[in-house]
Amino acid sequence: MRHINIPIFIPHEGCPNDCVFCNQRTISGTHAFDISSVPAQIDEKLATLPEGEKHVELAYFGGSFTGLNKADMRFLLAVVRRLLDEGRIDAARVSTRPDYISPDIADELKEAGVTTVELGVQSMSDRVLAACRRGHTAADTVRAFEILRCAGLNVVGQMMVGLPGSTREDEINTARSICDLGACAARIYPLVVLCNTELEKMSARGDFTPLPLCEAVSRAADALEVFVGRGVEVIRIGLCASEDLFSEDGIAAGEYSPATGELVMGEVFLRRICAAVDAAGTGTHGKTLLVTVPPGAISKAAGHKGANRKELAARYGFSRVKFEEDARFAGYDCDVKIIL
């Protein structure tokens, strides 16, 4: 069955906090928010959906949903309830901060028909959270997960890579914690320094240096491997490439690639392929490498623009690197054969 997501962005509404990295208007590509226009926006998007069997999910993204004033939050939840009752959508999700969750709010979300809450965890290091002026602690995240799961809601954990003061170990621990807390899925966002943020000022002063793209990819791959190993689906890696990201008021510093997700997934495949080649313990120079991967995974395994294919040939001296699919494989599973 085809899954269709209908995103409605609520830029910076409901969130009085100014984290050093945040500019929701640039991230979402949305500059003005008129709550009264939301039903019409949804109707317009529903009217364009293709025919056939599908699972339609409404998603309120952007600013912290549960931090909205109660009247606005209940207006938007009433829209969810009506659309569910009319059979026009099948599910709904919202995104919010860990410190904006309480038992009463969780019950209200559940009663309105919300099925999933995406929590902006970002880091499970209190040191990193403080450096980012996040305004909450790791304990708030633990409590939010417990409340939401007790209410019968699915929880998605969103984390960031390369935050001020964050280390590779911090990020691996954050991914592990998100798994331990019972997340049904995760998102990984390598940090992008946006214009009109405190992080832009910190970068200009020399107080912060963003990660080179290659290191951001490597560290995001570490987090991805944690989630893969624990069976937690990663539903997004990297910011969506909105037009605003590439405007004069978009990215202020550092490297960004719209192919970040592909680069990270390719890195995980490369690590696994290399481990298998090394374990084979046989000569490689001038030979052909045949890599078997799951259905639909050849482009990821071969790497962005064939980078993994080239790296394998250069590192081991293979004359050819070939890929094939096998339905018995799943996720990031792979097998290698070294042949003449």
Protein backbone atom coordinates (compact mmCIF):
# COMPACT_ATOMS: atom_id res chain seq x y z
CA MET A 1 0.00 0.00 0.00
CA ARG A 2 1.28 3.45 -0.90
CA HIS A 3 1.99 5.78 2.03
CA ILE A 4 1.30 9.47 1.38
CA ASN A 5 2.32 12.20 3.79
CA ILE A 6 0.57 15.58 3.81
CA PRO A 7 2.92 18.02 5.59
CA ILE A 8 1.69 21.29 7.07
CA PHE A 9 4.53 23.49 8.32
CA ILE A 10 4.08 25.71 11.37
CA PRO A 11 7.33 27.72 11.38
CA HIS A 12 8.51 28.63 14.88
CA GLU A 13 4.93 28.86 16.14
CA GLY A 14 4.57 27.44 19.63
CA CYS A 15 8.28 27.67 20.42
CA PRO A 16 9.51 30.70 22.37
CA ASN A 17 12.99 29.18 22.56
CA ASP A 18 15.76 30.29 20.22
CA CYS A 19 18.18 27.40 19.92
CA VAL A 20 21.49 28.52 18.46
CA PHE A 21 20.94 26.50 15.27
CA CYS A 22 17.28 27.21 14.55
CA ASN A 23 15.64 29.22 11.80
CA GLN A 24 12.39 27.38 11.12
CA ARG A 25 11.37 29.75 8.35
CA THR A 26 14.41 28.79 6.30
CA ILE A 27 14.17 25.09 7.14
CA SER A 28 10.51 24.81 6.19
CA GLY A 29 10.45 27.35 3.37
CA THR A 30 7.42 28.90 5.08
CA HIS A 31 7.49 32.53 6.21
CA ALA A 32 3.96 33.40 7.30
CA PHE A 33 1.51 31.16 9.11
CA ASP A 34 -2.25 31.71 9.06
CA ILE A 35 -3.94 29.01 11.11
CA SER A 36 -7.31 29.66 9.48
CA SER A 37 -5.84 28.65 6.11
CA VAL A 38 -4.86 25.15 7.26
CA PRO A 39 -8.13 23.36 6.37
CA ALA A 40 -8.00 24.82 2.85
CA GLN A 41 -4.33 23.84 2.48
CA ILE A 42 -5.17 20.27 3.45
CA ASP A 43 -8.22 20.13 1.16
CA GLU A 44 -6.09 21.34 -1.74
CA LYS A 45 -3.47 18.66 -1.13
CA LEU A 46 -6.04 15.91 -0.65
CA ALA A 47 -7.64 16.83 -3.96
CA THR A 48 -4.39 16.08 -5.80
CA LEU A 49 -3.87 12.58 -4.39
CA PRO A 50 -3.72 9.75 -6.91
CA GLU A 51 -6.44 7.15 -7.17
CA GLY A 52 -5.98 3.70 -5.72
CA GLU A 53 -5.33 2.15 -2.34
CA LYS A 54 -3.26 4.39 -0.09
CA HIS A 55 -2.52 5.28 3.52
CA VAL A 56 -2.77 9.04 4.04
CA GLU A 57 -1.13 10.70 7.02
CA LEU A 58 -1.47 14.36 7.99
CA ALA A 59 1.68 15.79 9.59
CA TYR A 60 2.02 19.06 11.49
CA PHE A 61 5.74 19.87 11.28
CA GLY A 62 7.92 22.86 12.11
CA GLY A 63 7.46 24.74 15.36
CA SER A 64 6.60 22.87 18.55
CA PHE A 65 2.99 21.79 18.09
CA THR A 66 2.20 21.23 21.75
CA GLY A 67 3.65 24.65 22.61
CA LEU A 68 0.97 26.43 20.59
CA ASN A 69 -1.61 28.34 22.55
CA LYS A 70 -4.38 25.95 23.54
CA ALA A 71 -6.98 27.46 21.19
CA ASP A 72 -4.76 27.06 18.13
CA MET A 73 -3.65 23.57 19.09
CA ARG A 74 -7.23 22.44 19.62
CA PHE A 75 -8.32 24.01 16.34
CA LEU A 76 -5.67 21.99 14.49
CA LEU A 77 -6.51 18.83 16.43
CA ALA A 78 -10.19 19.29 15.56
CA VAL A 79 -9.16 19.32 11.90
CA VAL A 80 -7.41 15.98 12.46
CA ARG A 81 -10.44 14.49 14.18
CA ARG A 82 -12.83 15.64 11.44
CA LEU A 83 -10.67 14.31 8.61
CA LEU A 84 -10.28 10.96 10.36
CA ASP A 85 -14.02 10.72 11.00
CA GLU A 86 -14.71 11.55 7.35
CA GLY A 87 -12.27 8.86 6.25
CA ARG A 88 -10.15 11.34 4.30
CA ILE A 89 -6.97 10.58 6.24
CA ASP A 90 -5.82 7.45 8.03
CA ALA A 91 -3.36 8.83 10.58
CA ALA A 92 -1.78 12.01 11.91
CA ARG A 93 1.51 13.04 13.47
CA VAL A 94 2.90 16.16 15.12
CA SER A 95 6.40 17.35 16.00
CA THR A 96 7.31 19.01 19.28
CA ARG A 97 9.92 19.45 22.02
CA PRO A 98 10.43 16.98 24.89
CA ASP A 99 9.69 19.63 27.53
CA TYR A 100 6.31 20.42 25.97
CA ILE A 101 4.84 17.03 26.77
CA SER A 102 2.63 16.24 29.77
CA PRO A 103 0.15 13.44 30.52
CA ASP A 104 -2.77 15.79 29.78
CA ILE A 105 -1.30 16.83 26.43
CA ALA A 106 -0.56 13.22 25.48
CA ASP A 107 -4.16 12.26 26.28
CA GLU A 108 -5.47 15.17 24.22
CA LEU A 109 -3.35 14.16 21.23
CA LYS A 110 -4.52 10.57 21.52
CA GLU A 111 -8.19 11.51 21.77
CA ALA A 112 -7.92 13.69 18.66
CA GLY A 113 -6.56 10.75 16.69
CA VAL A 114 -2.87 11.62 16.57
CA THR A 115 -0.92 8.39 16.21
CA THR A 116 2.72 9.54 16.18
CA VAL A 117 4.70 12.27 17.93
CA GLU A 118 8.10 13.31 16.61
CA LEU A 119 10.33 14.54 19.43
CA GLY A 120 13.20 16.93 18.81
CA VAL A 121 15.69 15.06 20.98
CA GLN A 122 18.73 16.53 19.16
CA SER A 123 21.18 15.24 21.80
CA MET A 124 21.13 13.21 25.00
CA SER A 125 24.13 15.11 26.36
CA ASP A 126 23.16 17.84 28.81
CA ARG A 127 26.45 19.54 28.03
CA VAL A 128 25.57 19.76 24.34
CA LEU A 129 21.97 20.80 25.02
CA ALA A 130 23.21 23.65 27.21
CA ALA A 131 25.72 24.77 24.58
CA CYS A 132 22.87 24.92 22.06
CA ARG A 133 20.60 26.84 24.48
CA ARG A 134 18.08 24.09 23.91
CA GLY A 135 16.18 24.86 27.10
CA HIS A 136 15.62 21.27 28.22
CA THR A 137 17.64 18.35 29.53
CA ALA A 138 18.06 14.71 28.61
CA ALA A 139 15.82 13.86 31.56
CA ASP A 140 12.99 15.80 29.87
CA THR A 141 13.41 13.57 26.82
CA VAL A 142 13.25 10.40 28.91
CA ARG A 143 10.10 11.65 30.63
CA ALA A 144 8.46 12.65 27.32
CA PHE A 145 9.07 9.21 25.82
CA GLU A 146 7.58 7.54 28.89
CA ILE A 147 4.46 9.73 28.86
CA LEU A 148 3.83 9.34 25.14
CA ARG A 149 4.36 5.60 25.07
CA CYS A 150 2.12 5.14 28.13
CA ALA A 151 -0.58 7.01 26.20
CA GLY A 152 -0.24 4.52 23.33
CA LEU A 153 1.45 6.93 20.93
CA ASN A 154 4.30 6.08 18.59
CA VAL A 155 7.41 8.21 19.09
CA VAL A 156 9.98 9.24 16.48
CA GLY A 157 13.31 10.53 17.78
CA GLN A 158 14.98 13.35 15.87
CA MET A 159 18.72 13.82 16.48
CA MET A 160 21.42 16.13 15.15
CA VAL A 161 25.06 15.55 14.26
CA GLY A 162 27.79 18.17 14.69
CA LEU A 163 26.15 20.40 17.32
CA PRO A 164 28.37 22.76 19.35
CA GLY A 165 30.38 20.71 21.81
CA SER A 166 29.11 17.41 20.46
CA THR A 167 31.46 14.50 19.83
CA ARG A 168 31.11 11.34 17.78
CA GLU A 169 30.61 9.44 21.04
CA ASP A 170 27.84 11.85 22.14
CA GLU A 171 25.99 11.17 18.90
CA ILE A 172 26.36 7.40 19.12
CA ASN A 173 25.06 7.55 22.70
CA THR A 174 22.13 9.71 21.56
CA ALA A 175 21.20 7.15 18.90
CA ARG A 176 21.45 4.34 21.45
CA SER A 177 19.29 6.25 23.92
CA ILE A 178 16.61 6.89 21.31
CA CYS A 179 16.52 3.14 20.67
CA ASP A 180 16.49 2.30 24.38
CA LEU A 181 13.56 4.67 24.96
CA GLY A 182 11.43 2.76 22.46
CA ALA A 183 11.36 4.98 19.38
CA CYS A 184 9.51 3.49 16.42
CA ALA A 185 11.66 5.47 13.98
CA ALA A 186 14.32 8.17 13.84
CA ARG A 187 15.56 11.11 11.82
CA ILE A 188 19.22 12.14 11.58
CA TYR A 189 20.05 15.75 10.76
CA PRO A 190 23.69 16.76 10.22
CA LEU A 191 23.94 20.36 11.39
CA VAL A 192 23.64 23.15 8.83
CA VAL A 193 24.61 26.69 9.87
CA LEU A 194 21.69 28.86 8.78
CA CYS A 195 21.57 32.62 8.33
CA ASN A 196 20.00 34.72 11.06
CA THR A 197 20.87 32.27 13.83
CA GLU A 198 23.13 32.54 16.85
CA LEU A 199 25.23 29.81 15.27
CA GLU A 200 25.96 32.09 12.32
CA LYS A 201 27.33 34.69 14.75
CA MET A 202 29.34 32.04 16.60
CA SER A 203 30.84 30.85 13.30
CA ALA A 204 31.71 34.41 12.27
CA ARG A 205 33.48 35.00 15.61
CA GLY A 206 35.40 31.76 15.30
CA ASP A 207 33.63 30.27 18.32
CA PHE A 208 32.22 27.39 16.26
CA THR A 209 33.44 25.51 13.23
CA PRO A 210 30.96 23.32 11.34
CA LEU A 211 32.01 19.80 10.41
CA PRO A 212 33.41 19.17 6.94
CA LEU A 213 30.85 17.27 4.88
CA CYS A 214 32.93 14.09 4.90
CA GLU A 215 33.04 14.03 8.72
CA ALA A 216 29.35 14.89 9.04
CA VAL A 217 28.58 11.97 6.72
CA SER A 218 30.84 9.63 8.71
CA ARG A 219 29.30 10.60 12.05
CA ALA A 220 25.76 10.36 10.70
CA ALA A 221 26.66 6.91 9.39
CA ASP A 222 27.73 5.92 12.91
CA ALA A 223 24.27 6.90 14.17
CA LEU A 224 22.57 5.14 11.26
CA GLU A 225 24.45 1.93 12.06
CA VAL A 226 23.14 2.07 15.63
CA PHE A 227 19.55 2.38 14.42
CA VAL A 228 19.98 -0.34 11.79
CA GLY A 229 21.49 -2.67 14.37
CA ARG A 230 18.54 -2.09 16.71
CA GLY A 231 15.87 -2.41 14.03
CA VAL A 232 14.75 1.24 14.27
CA GLU A 233 13.76 2.66 10.88
CA VAL A 234 15.48 5.89 9.87
CA ILE A 235 12.91 7.85 7.88
CA ARG A 236 15.03 10.87 6.98
CA ILE A 237 18.70 11.85 6.84
CA GLY A 238 19.49 15.53 6.23
CA LEU A 239 17.34 18.60 5.67
CA CYS A 240 15.00 18.74 2.70
CA ALA A 241 16.44 20.98 -0.01
CA SER A 242 13.92 23.83 0.02
CA GLU A 243 14.48 26.86 -2.19
CA ASP A 244 15.11 28.97 0.91
CA LEU A 245 18.16 26.88 1.82
CA PHE A 246 19.84 28.11 -1.35
CA SER A 247 18.74 31.73 -1.07
CA GLU A 248 20.85 34.62 0.24
CA ASP A 249 19.27 34.03 3.65
CA GLY A 250 19.82 30.27 3.60
CA ILE A 251 23.09 28.56 4.49
CA ALA A 252 25.58 30.82 6.26
CA ALA A 253 28.57 28.52 6.75
CA GLY A 254 29.76 24.98 6.32
CA GLU A 255 29.08 22.38 3.69
CA TYR A 256 25.64 21.11 2.70
CA SER A 257 24.63 18.55 0.12
CA PRO A 258 21.06 17.78 -0.96
CA ALA A 259 22.36 14.21 -1.35
CA THR A 260 23.31 13.91 2.34
CA GLY A 261 21.01 10.95 2.90
CA GLU A 262 22.41 9.08 -0.08
CA LEU A 263 25.97 9.84 1.05
CA VAL A 264 25.31 8.51 4.55
CA MET A 265 23.59 5.34 3.36
CA GLY A 266 26.40 4.80 0.87
CA GLU A 267 28.96 5.11 3.67
CA VAL A 268 27.25 2.37 5.68
CA PHE A 269 27.21 0.06 2.65
CA LEU A 270 30.88 0.84 1.93
CA ARG A 271 31.89 -0.08 5.48
CA ARG A 272 30.07 -3.39 5.26
CA ILE A 273 31.40 -4.26 1.83
CA CYS A 274 34.97 -3.48 2.90
CA ALA A 275 34.57 -5.58 6.05
CA ALA A 276 33.37 -8.50 3.93
CA VAL A 277 36.24 -8.12 1.45
CA ASP A 278 38.77 -7.95 4.29
CA ALA A 279 37.24 -11.03 5.92
CA ALA A 280 37.51 -12.99 2.67
CA GLY A 281 41.28 -13.01 3.11
CA THR A 282 42.06 -13.53 -0.56
CA GLY A 283 43.88 -11.60 -3.25
CA THR A 284 41.95 -8.81 -4.93
CA HIS A 285 44.25 -7.12 -7.45
CA GLY A 286 43.00 -7.41 -11.02
CA LYS A 287 39.97 -9.46 -9.97
CA THR A 288 36.22 -8.78 -10.15
CA LEU A 289 34.19 -7.96 -7.05
CA LEU A 290 30.56 -9.09 -7.11
CA VAL A 291 28.47 -7.47 -4.37
CA THR A 292 25.01 -8.83 -3.56
CA VAL A 293 22.56 -6.40 -1.93
CA PRO A 294 18.82 -6.19 -1.17
CA PRO A 295 16.31 -5.34 -3.92
CA GLY A 296 16.40 -1.64 -4.79
CA ALA A 297 19.68 -1.03 -2.97
CA ILE A 298 22.18 -1.04 -5.83
CA SER A 299 22.31 2.76 -6.20
CA LYS A 300 22.90 3.18 -2.45
CA ALA A 301 25.53 0.44 -2.32
CA ALA A 302 27.33 1.80 -5.39
CA GLY A 303 27.47 5.20 -3.68
CA HIS A 304 26.52 8.71 -4.75
CA LYS A 305 27.62 9.10 -8.38
CA GLY A 306 29.28 5.68 -8.14
CA ALA A 307 31.71 6.79 -5.42
CA ASN A 308 31.76 3.41 -3.66
CA ARG A 309 32.39 1.55 -6.89
CA LYS A 310 35.39 3.81 -7.54
CA GLU A 311 36.65 3.59 -3.95
CA LEU A 312 36.52 -0.21 -3.93
CA ALA A 313 38.43 -0.41 -7.20
CA ALA A 314 41.06 2.04 -5.96
CA ARG A 315 41.44 0.57 -2.46
CA TYR A 316 41.67 -3.09 -3.46
CA GLY A 317 42.76 -2.98 -7.09
CA PHE A 318 39.65 -4.65 -8.48
CA SER A 319 39.40 -4.52 -12.26
CA ARG A 320 35.60 -4.53 -12.04
CA VAL A 321 33.03 -3.95 -9.32
CA LYS A 322 29.59 -5.39 -10.03
CA PHE A 323 26.36 -5.31 -8.04
CA GLU A 324 23.39 -7.67 -8.05
CA GLU A 325 20.15 -7.87 -6.07
CA ASP A 326 18.85 -10.80 -4.04
CA ALA A 327 15.39 -10.86 -2.44
CA ARG A 328 16.77 -12.86 0.49
CA PHE A 329 18.71 -9.77 1.61
CA ALA A 330 17.22 -6.81 3.51
CA GLY A 331 18.30 -3.46 4.90
CA TYR A 332 22.04 -3.03 4.63
CA ASP A 333 22.84 -6.73 4.28
CA CYS A 334 25.41 -7.56 1.64
CA ASP A 335 27.63 -10.40 0.47
CA VAL A 336 30.75 -10.37 -1.67
CA LYS A 337 32.39 -12.77 -4.08
CA ILE A 338 35.88 -12.21 -5.45
CA ILE A 339 36.17 -13.82 -8.87
CA LEU A 340 38.65 -13.88 -11.74
